[in-house]
Amino acid sequence: ESFSRLALEFVILTAGRSGEVRGATFDE
C-alpha cells in the first residue's frame, strides 16, 4: 500500500486521466 498504488488503482477504476487523479482534492 502506498499513495502511488492507491492512485493507480483509482485511475483504473474511474478510467480517469493521471493528472486529474493526482491533482484530486478531498472537497471534490
PDB file of all heavy atoms in Angstrom:
ATOM      1  N   GLU A   1       0.840  -1.205   0.000  1.00  0.00           N
ATOM      2  CA  GLU A   1       0.000   0.000   0.000  1.00  0.00           C
ATOM      3  C   GLU A   1       0.872   1.250   0.000  1.00  0.00           C
ATOM      4  O   GLU A   1       1.806   1.379   0.782  1.00  0.00           O
ATOM      5  CB  GLU A   1      -0.918   0.024   1.216  1.00  0.00           C
ATOM      6  CG  GLU A   1      -1.899   1.193   1.208  1.00  0.00           C
ATOM      7  CD  GLU A   1      -2.839   1.167   2.402  1.00  0.00           C
ATOM      8  OE1 GLU A   1      -2.401   1.574   3.510  1.00  0.00           O
ATOM      9  OE2 GLU A   1      -4.000   0.752   2.234  1.00  0.00           O
ATOM     10  N   SER A   2       0.572   2.151  -0.905  1.00  0.00           N
ATOM     11  CA  SER A   2       1.238   3.457  -0.978  1.00  0.00           C
ATOM     12  C   SER A   2       0.298   4.390  -1.713  1.00  0.00           C
ATOM     13  O   SER A   2      -0.669   3.951  -2.352  1.00  0.00           O
ATOM     14  CB  SER A   2       2.573   3.359  -1.716  1.00  0.00           C
ATOM     15  OG  SER A   2       2.350   3.018  -3.084  1.00  0.00           O
ATOM     16  N   PHE A   3       0.572   5.678  -1.640  1.00  0.00           N
ATOM     17  CA  PHE A   3      -0.269   6.622  -2.364  1.00  0.00           C
ATOM     18  C   PHE A   3      -0.225   6.361  -3.867  1.00  0.00           C
ATOM     19  O   PHE A   3      -1.236   6.478  -4.560  1.00  0.00           O
ATOM     20  CB  PHE A   3       0.165   8.062  -2.074  1.00  0.00           C
ATOM     21  CG  PHE A   3      -0.387   8.618  -0.798  1.00  0.00           C
ATOM     22  CD1 PHE A   3       0.450   9.019   0.224  1.00  0.00           C
ATOM     23  CD2 PHE A   3      -1.757   8.745  -0.606  1.00  0.00           C
ATOM     24  CE1 PHE A   3      -0.048   9.533   1.408  1.00  0.00           C
ATOM     25  CE2 PHE A   3      -2.279   9.254   0.566  1.00  0.00           C
ATOM     26  CZ  PHE A   3      -1.419   9.645   1.585  1.00  0.00           C
ATOM     27  N   SER A   4       0.936   5.980  -4.377  1.00  0.00           N
ATOM     28  CA  SER A   4       1.048   5.745  -5.817  1.00  0.00           C
ATOM     29  C   SER A   4       0.222   4.530  -6.240  1.00  0.00           C
ATOM     30  O   SER A   4      -0.439   4.547  -7.282  1.00  0.00           O
ATOM     31  CB  SER A   4       2.515   5.557  -6.217  1.00  0.00           C
ATOM     32  OG  SER A   4       3.079   4.448  -5.553  1.00  0.00           O
ATOM     33  N   ARG A   5       0.224   3.473  -5.432  1.00  0.00           N
ATOM     34  CA  ARG A   5      -0.551   2.273  -5.770  1.00  0.00           C
ATOM     35  C   ARG A   5      -2.053   2.542  -5.653  1.00  0.00           C
ATOM     36  O   ARG A   5      -2.844   2.089  -6.484  1.00  0.00           O
ATOM     37  CB  ARG A   5      -0.127   1.114  -4.869  1.00  0.00           C
ATOM     38  CG  ARG A   5       1.252   0.566  -5.229  1.00  0.00           C
ATOM     39  CD  ARG A   5       1.752  -0.474  -4.244  1.00  0.00           C
ATOM     40  NE  ARG A   5       3.050  -0.990  -4.653  1.00  0.00           N
ATOM     41  CZ  ARG A   5       3.265  -2.169  -5.241  1.00  0.00           C
ATOM     42  NH1 ARG A   5       2.239  -2.966  -5.494  1.00  0.00           N
ATOM     43  NH2 ARG A   5       4.474  -2.540  -5.587  1.00  0.00           N
ATOM     44  N   LEU A   6      -2.443   3.277  -4.624  1.00  0.00           N
ATOM     45  CA  LEU A   6      -3.852   3.631  -4.497  1.00  0.00           C
ATOM     46  C   LEU A   6      -4.286   4.519  -5.661  1.00  0.00           C
ATOM     47  O   LEU A   6      -5.383   4.351  -6.207  1.00  0.00           O
ATOM     48  CB  LEU A   6      -4.085   4.348  -3.163  1.00  0.00           C
ATOM     49  CG  LEU A   6      -3.945   3.494  -1.895  1.00  0.00           C
ATOM     50  CD1 LEU A   6      -3.954   4.377  -0.658  1.00  0.00           C
ATOM     51  CD2 LEU A   6      -5.050   2.445  -1.824  1.00  0.00           C
ATOM     52  N   ALA A   7      -3.424   5.450  -6.048  1.00  0.00           N
ATOM     53  CA  ALA A   7      -3.759   6.355  -7.154  1.00  0.00           C
ATOM     54  C   ALA A   7      -3.900   5.597  -8.465  1.00  0.00           C
ATOM     55  O   ALA A   7      -4.819   5.854  -9.259  1.00  0.00           O
ATOM     56  CB  ALA A   7      -2.695   7.442  -7.286  1.00  0.00           C
ATOM     57  N   LEU A   8      -2.999   4.645  -8.716  1.00  0.00           N
ATOM     58  CA  LEU A   8      -3.062   3.889  -9.967  1.00  0.00           C
ATOM     59  C   LEU A   8      -4.330   3.030 -10.016  1.00  0.00           C
ATOM     60  O   LEU A   8      -4.989   2.950 -11.060  1.00  0.00           O
ATOM     61  CB  LEU A   8      -1.820   3.024 -10.136  1.00  0.00           C
ATOM     62  CG  LEU A   8      -1.733   2.266 -11.456  1.00  0.00           C
ATOM     63  CD1 LEU A   8      -1.857   3.200 -12.655  1.00  0.00           C
ATOM     64  CD2 LEU A   8      -0.421   1.472 -11.546  1.00  0.00           C
ATOM     65  N   GLU A   9      -4.689   2.402  -8.909  1.00  0.00           N
ATOM     66  CA  GLU A   9      -5.927   1.620  -8.911  1.00  0.00           C
ATOM     67  C   GLU A   9      -7.137   2.531  -9.124  1.00  0.00           C
ATOM     68  O   GLU A   9      -8.088   2.163  -9.823  1.00  0.00           O
ATOM     69  CB  GLU A   9      -6.083   0.847  -7.602  1.00  0.00           C
ATOM     70  CG  GLU A   9      -7.291  -0.079  -7.617  1.00  0.00           C
ATOM     71  CD  GLU A   9      -7.440  -0.939  -6.378  1.00  0.00           C
ATOM     72  OE1 GLU A   9      -6.526  -0.926  -5.512  1.00  0.00           O
ATOM     73  OE2 GLU A   9      -8.487  -1.620  -6.259  1.00  0.00           O
ATOM     74  N   PHE A  10      -7.092   3.733  -8.548  1.00  0.00           N
ATOM     75  CA  PHE A  10      -8.179   4.692  -8.737  1.00  0.00           C
ATOM     76  C   PHE A  10      -8.269   5.121 -10.203  1.00  0.00           C
ATOM     77  O   PHE A  10      -9.365   5.270 -10.751  1.00  0.00           O
ATOM     78  CB  PHE A  10      -7.950   5.909  -7.837  1.00  0.00           C
ATOM     79  CG  PHE A  10      -9.147   6.804  -7.694  1.00  0.00           C
ATOM     80  CD1 PHE A  10     -10.140   6.518  -6.778  1.00  0.00           C
ATOM     81  CD2 PHE A  10      -9.283   7.935  -8.489  1.00  0.00           C
ATOM     82  CE1 PHE A  10     -11.252   7.342  -6.641  1.00  0.00           C
ATOM     83  CE2 PHE A  10     -10.383   8.763  -8.362  1.00  0.00           C
ATOM     84  CZ  PHE A  10     -11.378   8.468  -7.441  1.00  0.00           C
ATOM     85  N   VAL A  11      -7.117   5.307 -10.850  1.00  0.00           N
ATOM     86  CA  VAL A  11      -7.084   5.610 -12.287  1.00  0.00           C
ATOM     87  C   VAL A  11      -7.799   4.517 -13.070  1.00  0.00           C
ATOM     88  O   VAL A  11      -8.612   4.779 -13.959  1.00  0.00           O
ATOM     89  CB  VAL A  11      -5.622   5.763 -12.776  1.00  0.00           C
ATOM     90  CG1 VAL A  11      -5.549   5.693 -14.302  1.00  0.00           C
ATOM     91  CG2 VAL A  11      -5.019   7.075 -12.288  1.00  0.00           C
ATOM     92  N   ILE A  12      -7.477   3.261 -12.737  1.00  0.00           N
ATOM     93  CA  ILE A  12      -8.062   2.125 -13.465  1.00  0.00           C
ATOM     94  C   ILE A  12      -9.575   2.088 -13.275  1.00  0.00           C
ATOM     95  O   ILE A  12     -10.339   1.954 -14.239  1.00  0.00           O
ATOM     96  CB  ILE A  12      -7.431   0.806 -12.987  1.00  0.00           C
ATOM     97  CG1 ILE A  12      -5.931   0.776 -13.324  1.00  0.00           C
ATOM     98  CG2 ILE A  12      -8.145  -0.393 -13.609  1.00  0.00           C
ATOM     99  CD1 ILE A  12      -5.181  -0.382 -12.683  1.00  0.00           C
ATOM    100  N   LEU A  13     -10.035   2.239 -12.046  1.00  0.00           N
ATOM    101  CA  LEU A  13     -11.462   2.073 -11.742  1.00  0.00           C
ATOM    102  C   LEU A  13     -12.318   3.227 -12.258  1.00  0.00           C
ATOM    103  O   LEU A  13     -13.503   3.041 -12.528  1.00  0.00           O
ATOM    104  CB  LEU A  13     -11.653   1.924 -10.233  1.00  0.00           C
ATOM    105  CG  LEU A  13     -11.042   0.666  -9.613  1.00  0.00           C
ATOM    106  CD1 LEU A  13     -11.180   0.706  -8.104  1.00  0.00           C
ATOM    107  CD2 LEU A  13     -11.687  -0.593 -10.188  1.00  0.00           C
ATOM    108  N   THR A  14     -11.733   4.406 -12.406  1.00  0.00           N
ATOM    109  CA  THR A  14     -12.500   5.572 -12.873  1.00  0.00           C
ATOM    110  C   THR A  14     -12.270   5.881 -14.341  1.00  0.00           C
ATOM    111  O   THR A  14     -12.956   6.724 -14.900  1.00  0.00           O
ATOM    112  CB  THR A  14     -12.140   6.821 -12.052  1.00  0.00           C
ATOM    113  OG1 THR A  14     -10.734   7.098 -12.205  1.00  0.00           O
ATOM    114  CG2 THR A  14     -12.490   6.634 -10.587  1.00  0.00           C
ATOM    115  N   ALA A  15     -11.294   5.196 -14.970  1.00  0.00           N
ATOM    116  CA  ALA A  15     -10.906   5.496 -16.359  1.00  0.00           C
ATOM    117  C   ALA A  15     -10.523   6.964 -16.490  1.00  0.00           C
ATOM    118  O   ALA A  15     -10.728   7.584 -17.529  1.00  0.00           O
ATOM    119  CB  ALA A  15     -12.028   5.144 -17.333  1.00  0.00           C
ATOM    120  N   GLY A  16      -9.955   7.513 -15.421  1.00  0.00           N
ATOM    121  CA  GLY A  16      -9.567   8.922 -15.417  1.00  0.00           C
ATOM    122  C   GLY A  16      -8.174   9.139 -15.964  1.00  0.00           C
ATOM    123  O   GLY A  16      -7.385   8.202 -16.114  1.00  0.00           O
ATOM    124  N   ARG A  17      -7.883  10.388 -16.259  1.00  0.00           N
ATOM    125  CA  ARG A  17      -6.533  10.750 -16.676  1.00  0.00           C
ATOM    126  C   ARG A  17      -5.644  10.851 -15.441  1.00  0.00           C
ATOM    127  O   ARG A  17      -6.086  11.276 -14.369  1.00  0.00           O
ATOM    128  CB  ARG A  17      -6.527  12.079 -17.426  1.00  0.00           C
ATOM    129  CG  ARG A  17      -7.290  12.039 -18.750  1.00  0.00           C
ATOM    130  CD  ARG A  17      -7.186  13.373 -19.478  1.00  0.00           C
ATOM    131  NE  ARG A  17      -7.858  13.333 -20.769  1.00  0.00           N
ATOM    132  CZ  ARG A  17      -9.134  13.649 -20.962  1.00  0.00           C
ATOM    133  NH1 ARG A  17      -9.880  14.041 -19.922  1.00  0.00           N
ATOM    134  NH2 ARG A  17      -9.672  13.589 -22.164  1.00  0.00           N
ATOM    135  N   SER A  18      -4.394  10.513 -15.604  1.00  0.00           N
ATOM    136  CA  SER A  18      -3.458  10.517 -14.484  1.00  0.00           C
ATOM    137  C   SER A  18      -3.414  11.876 -13.792  1.00  0.00           C
ATOM    138  O   SER A  18      -3.457  11.956 -12.563  1.00  0.00           O
ATOM    139  CB  SER A  18      -2.063  10.139 -14.985  1.00  0.00           C
ATOM    140  OG  SER A  18      -1.083  10.418 -14.016  1.00  0.00           O
ATOM    141  N   GLY A  19      -3.337  12.946 -14.571  1.00  0.00           N
ATOM    142  CA  GLY A  19      -3.237  14.283 -13.982  1.00  0.00           C
ATOM    143  C   GLY A  19      -4.463  14.667 -13.183  1.00  0.00           C
ATOM    144  O   GLY A  19      -4.357  15.323 -12.141  1.00  0.00           O
ATOM    145  N   GLU A  20      -5.626  14.252 -13.657  1.00  0.00           N
ATOM    146  CA  GLU A  20      -6.870  14.554 -12.942  1.00  0.00           C
ATOM    147  C   GLU A  20      -6.900  13.830 -11.601  1.00  0.00           C
ATOM    148  O   GLU A  20      -7.344  14.390 -10.591  1.00  0.00           O
ATOM    149  CB  GLU A  20      -8.071  14.142 -13.802  1.00  0.00           C
ATOM    150  CG  GLU A  20      -8.198  14.960 -15.089  1.00  0.00           C
ATOM    151  CD  GLU A  20      -9.033  14.252 -16.142  1.00  0.00           C
ATOM    152  OE1 GLU A  20      -9.663  13.233 -15.812  1.00  0.00           O
ATOM    153  OE2 GLU A  20      -9.038  14.717 -17.302  1.00  0.00           O
ATOM    154  N   VAL A  21      -6.426  12.595 -11.589  1.00  0.00           N
ATOM    155  CA  VAL A  21      -6.421  11.813 -10.351  1.00  0.00           C
ATOM    156  C   VAL A  21      -5.357  12.348  -9.388  1.00  0.00           C
ATOM    157  O   VAL A  21      -5.620  12.553  -8.199  1.00  0.00           O
ATOM    158  CB  VAL A  21      -6.173  10.322 -10.660  1.00  0.00           C
ATOM    159  CG1 VAL A  21      -5.935   9.526  -9.365  1.00  0.00           C
ATOM    160  CG2 VAL A  21      -7.359   9.743 -11.424  1.00  0.00           C
ATOM    161  N   ARG A  22      -4.160  12.590  -9.875  1.00  0.00           N
ATOM    162  CA  ARG A  22      -3.074  13.034  -8.995  1.00  0.00           C
ATOM    163  C   ARG A  22      -3.378  14.390  -8.365  1.00  0.00           C
ATOM    164  O   ARG A  22      -2.921  14.680  -7.261  1.00  0.00           O
ATOM    165  CB  ARG A  22      -1.769  13.101  -9.784  1.00  0.00           C
ATOM    166  CG  ARG A  22      -1.217  11.740 -10.159  1.00  0.00           C
ATOM    167  CD  ARG A  22       0.121  11.810 -10.863  1.00  0.00           C
ATOM    168  NE  ARG A  22       0.017  12.412 -12.204  1.00  0.00           N
ATOM    169  CZ  ARG A  22       0.378  13.637 -12.500  1.00  0.00           C
ATOM    170  NH1 ARG A  22       0.872  14.437 -11.553  1.00  0.00           N
ATOM    171  NH2 ARG A  22       0.257  14.099 -13.734  1.00  0.00           N
ATOM    172  N   GLY A  23      -4.143  15.232  -9.051  1.00  0.00           N
ATOM    173  CA  GLY A  23      -4.462  16.545  -8.518  1.00  0.00           C
ATOM    174  C   GLY A  23      -5.749  16.607  -7.723  1.00  0.00           C
ATOM    175  O   GLY A  23      -6.153  17.689  -7.275  1.00  0.00           O
ATOM    176  N   ALA A  24      -6.402  15.467  -7.516  1.00  0.00           N
ATOM    177  CA  ALA A  24      -7.703  15.451  -6.835  1.00  0.00           C
ATOM    178  C   ALA A  24      -7.575  15.923  -5.388  1.00  0.00           C
ATOM    179  O   ALA A  24      -6.627  15.573  -4.678  1.00  0.00           O
ATOM    180  CB  ALA A  24      -8.294  14.041  -6.872  1.00  0.00           C
ATOM    181  N   THR A  25      -8.562  16.707  -4.939  1.00  0.00           N
ATOM    182  CA  THR A  25      -8.613  17.170  -3.554  1.00  0.00           C
ATOM    183  C   THR A  25      -9.879  16.615  -2.898  1.00  0.00           C
ATOM    184  O   THR A  25     -10.851  16.284  -3.566  1.00  0.00           O
ATOM    185  CB  THR A  25      -8.607  18.703  -3.480  1.00  0.00           C
ATOM    186  OG1 THR A  25      -9.685  19.217  -4.277  1.00  0.00           O
ATOM    187  CG2 THR A  25      -7.286  19.265  -3.998  1.00  0.00           C
ATOM    188  N   PHE A  26      -9.859  16.543  -1.583  1.00  0.00           N
ATOM    189  CA  PHE A  26     -10.964  15.899  -0.853  1.00  0.00           C
ATOM    190  C   PHE A  26     -12.297  16.614  -1.075  1.00  0.00           C
ATOM    191  O   PHE A  26     -13.356  15.968  -1.066  1.00  0.00           O
ATOM    192  CB  PHE A  26     -10.637  15.837   0.635  1.00  0.00           C
ATOM    193  CG  PHE A  26      -9.562  14.847   0.970  1.00  0.00           C
ATOM    194  CD1 PHE A  26      -8.298  15.278   1.349  1.00  0.00           C
ATOM    195  CD2 PHE A  26      -9.802  13.480   0.893  1.00  0.00           C
ATOM    196  CE1 PHE A  26      -7.293  14.367   1.656  1.00  0.00           C
ATOM    197  CE2 PHE A  26      -8.809  12.567   1.198  1.00  0.00           C
ATOM    198  CZ  PHE A  26      -7.544  13.008   1.571  1.00  0.00           C
ATOM    199  N   ASP A  27     -12.266  17.935  -1.285  1.00  0.00           N
ATOM    200  CA  ASP A  27     -13.530  18.660  -1.439  1.00  0.00           C
ATOM    201  C   ASP A  27     -14.224  18.382  -2.767  1.00  0.00           C
ATOM    202  O   ASP A  27     -15.351  18.823  -2.986  1.00  0.00           O
ATOM    203  CB  ASP A  27     -13.316  20.168  -1.260  1.00  0.00           C
ATOM    204  CG  ASP A  27     -12.345  20.757  -2.272  1.00  0.00           C
ATOM    205  OD1 ASP A  27     -11.805  19.998  -3.102  1.00  0.00           O
ATOM    206  OD2 ASP A  27     -12.123  21.981  -2.220  1.00  0.00           O
ATOM    207  N   GLU A  28     -13.569  17.644  -3.667  1.00  0.00           N
ATOM    208  CA  GLU A  28     -14.193  17.288  -4.944  1.00  0.00           C
ATOM    209  C   GLU A  28     -15.102  16.061  -4.825  1.00  0.00           C
ATOM    210  O   GLU A  28     -15.808  15.735  -5.769  1.00  0.00           O
ATOM    211  CB  GLU A  28     -13.105  17.022  -6.002  1.00  0.00           C
ATOM    212  CG  GLU A  28     -12.279  18.260  -6.345  1.00  0.00           C
ATOM    213  CD  GLU A  28     -11.123  17.959  -7.287  1.00  0.00           C
ATOM    214  OE1 GLU A  28     -10.957  16.771  -7.686  1.00  0.00           O
ATOM    215  OE2 GLU A  28     -10.381  18.885  -7.617  1.00  0.00           O
TER     216      GLU A  28
END
